[in-house]
């Protein structure tokens, strides 16, 4: 089966990803340099947490299937 080409930019939804942080300080007219770093780091933590839950669910499924 042949699949249509997948482009890195589209596959990772980079437009959405790279515009996902909205520092509040910028909205108030006084951008705080560290706020962007804070948002970025915590968004990454949330993605890793989501991945960890995904992996744990997979392991649970595998263990359940081996019990039967």
C-alpha atoms as a PDB file:
ATOM      1  CA  UNK A   1       0.000   0.000   0.000  1.00  0.00           C
ATOM      2  CA  UNK A   2       1.391   3.378  -0.985  1.00  0.00           C
ATOM      3  CA  UNK A   3       0.804   6.323   1.304  1.00  0.00           C
ATOM      4  CA  UNK A   4       0.800   9.983   0.306  1.00  0.00           C
ATOM      5  CA  UNK A   5       3.953  11.904   1.227  1.00  0.00           C
ATOM      6  CA  UNK A   6       4.124  13.168   4.781  1.00  0.00           C
ATOM      7  CA  UNK A   7       6.018  16.351   5.410  1.00  0.00           C
ATOM      8  CA  UNK A   8       7.775  16.912   8.723  1.00  0.00           C
ATOM      9  CA  UNK A   9       6.243  20.349   9.217  1.00  0.00           C
ATOM     10  CA  UNK A  10       2.695  19.129   8.634  1.00  0.00           C
ATOM     11  CA  UNK A  11       3.087  15.821  10.461  1.00  0.00           C
ATOM     12  CA  UNK A  12       4.225  17.538  13.660  1.00  0.00           C
ATOM     13  CA  UNK A  13       1.741  20.400  13.241  1.00  0.00           C
ATOM     14  CA  UNK A  14       4.565  22.860  13.750  1.00  0.00           C
ATOM     15  CA  UNK A  15       2.388  25.911  13.079  1.00  0.00           C
ATOM     16  CA  UNK A  16       0.208  24.975  16.054  1.00  0.00           C
ATOM     17  CA  UNK A  17       3.099  23.844  18.214  1.00  0.00           C
ATOM     18  CA  UNK A  18       5.267  26.892  17.687  1.00  0.00           C
ATOM     19  CA  UNK A  19       2.418  29.286  18.416  1.00  0.00           C
ATOM     20  CA  UNK A  20       1.198  27.441  21.520  1.00  0.00           C
ATOM     21  CA  UNK A  21       2.683  29.731  24.140  1.00  0.00           C
ATOM     22  CA  UNK A  22       1.088  33.038  24.904  1.00  0.00           C
ATOM     23  CA  UNK A  23       2.939  34.849  27.677  1.00  0.00           C
ATOM     24  CA  UNK A  24       0.615  36.960  29.785  1.00  0.00           C
ATOM     25  CA  UNK A  25       3.302  39.581  30.301  1.00  0.00           C
ATOM     26  CA  UNK A  26       3.305  40.268  26.542  1.00  0.00           C
ATOM     27  CA  UNK A  27      -0.470  40.756  26.614  1.00  0.00           C
ATOM     28  CA  UNK A  28       0.083  43.401  29.296  1.00  0.00           C
ATOM     29  CA  UNK A  29       2.734  45.217  27.255  1.00  0.00           C
ATOM     30  CA  UNK A  30       5.750  44.261  29.348  1.00  0.00           C
ATOM     31  CA  UNK A  31       7.291  41.021  27.977  1.00  0.00           C
ATOM     32  CA  UNK A  32       9.188  38.998  30.586  1.00  0.00           C
ATOM     33  CA  UNK A  33      12.055  37.037  29.034  1.00  0.00           C
ATOM     34  CA  UNK A  34      11.847  34.122  31.500  1.00  0.00           C
ATOM     35  CA  UNK A  35       8.105  33.655  31.034  1.00  0.00           C
ATOM     36  CA  UNK A  36       8.534  32.125  27.567  1.00  0.00           C
ATOM     37  CA  UNK A  37      11.088  29.686  28.980  1.00  0.00           C
ATOM     38  CA  UNK A  38       8.724  28.814  31.851  1.00  0.00           C
ATOM     39  CA  UNK A  39       5.827  28.128  29.465  1.00  0.00           C
ATOM     40  CA  UNK A  40       7.965  26.112  27.049  1.00  0.00           C
ATOM     41  CA  UNK A  41       9.480  23.912  29.768  1.00  0.00           C
ATOM     42  CA  UNK A  42       6.109  23.209  31.356  1.00  0.00           C
ATOM     43  CA  UNK A  43       4.486  22.420  28.015  1.00  0.00           C
ATOM     44  CA  UNK A  44       7.302  19.916  27.424  1.00  0.00           C
ATOM     45  CA  UNK A  45       6.695  18.389  30.878  1.00  0.00           C
ATOM     46  CA  UNK A  46       3.029  17.966  30.011  1.00  0.00           C
ATOM     47  CA  UNK A  47       3.895  16.229  26.720  1.00  0.00           C
ATOM     48  CA  UNK A  48       6.291  13.844  28.512  1.00  0.00           C
ATOM     49  CA  UNK A  49       3.630  13.150  31.129  1.00  0.00           C
ATOM     50  CA  UNK A  50       1.107  12.391  28.386  1.00  0.00           C
ATOM     51  CA  UNK A  51       3.653  10.046  26.745  1.00  0.00           C
ATOM     52  CA  UNK A  52       4.291   8.286  30.066  1.00  0.00           C
ATOM     53  CA  UNK A  53       0.573   7.661  30.531  1.00  0.00           C
ATOM     54  CA  UNK A  54       0.339   6.358  26.966  1.00  0.00           C
ATOM     55  CA  UNK A  55       3.190   3.904  27.642  1.00  0.00           C
ATOM     56  CA  UNK A  56       1.692   2.764  30.959  1.00  0.00           C
ATOM     57  CA  UNK A  57      -1.627   2.066  29.285  1.00  0.00           C
ATOM     58  CA  UNK A  58       0.165  -0.007  26.648  1.00  0.00           C
ATOM     59  CA  UNK A  59       1.957  -2.022  29.332  1.00  0.00           C
ATOM     60  CA  UNK A  60      -1.332  -2.609  31.178  1.00  0.00           C
ATOM     61  CA  UNK A  61      -2.928  -3.843  27.965  1.00  0.00           C
ATOM     62  CA  UNK A  62      -0.032  -6.206  27.314  1.00  0.00           C
ATOM     63  CA  UNK A  63      -0.138  -7.601  30.860  1.00  0.00           C
ATOM     64  CA  UNK A  64      -3.887  -8.147  30.660  1.00  0.00           C
ATOM     65  CA  UNK A  65      -3.590  -9.994  27.369  1.00  0.00           C
ATOM     66  CA  UNK A  66      -0.934 -12.336  28.811  1.00  0.00           C
ATOM     67  CA  UNK A  67      -3.192 -13.268  31.741  1.00  0.00           C
ATOM     68  CA  UNK A  68      -5.719 -14.991  29.492  1.00  0.00           C
END
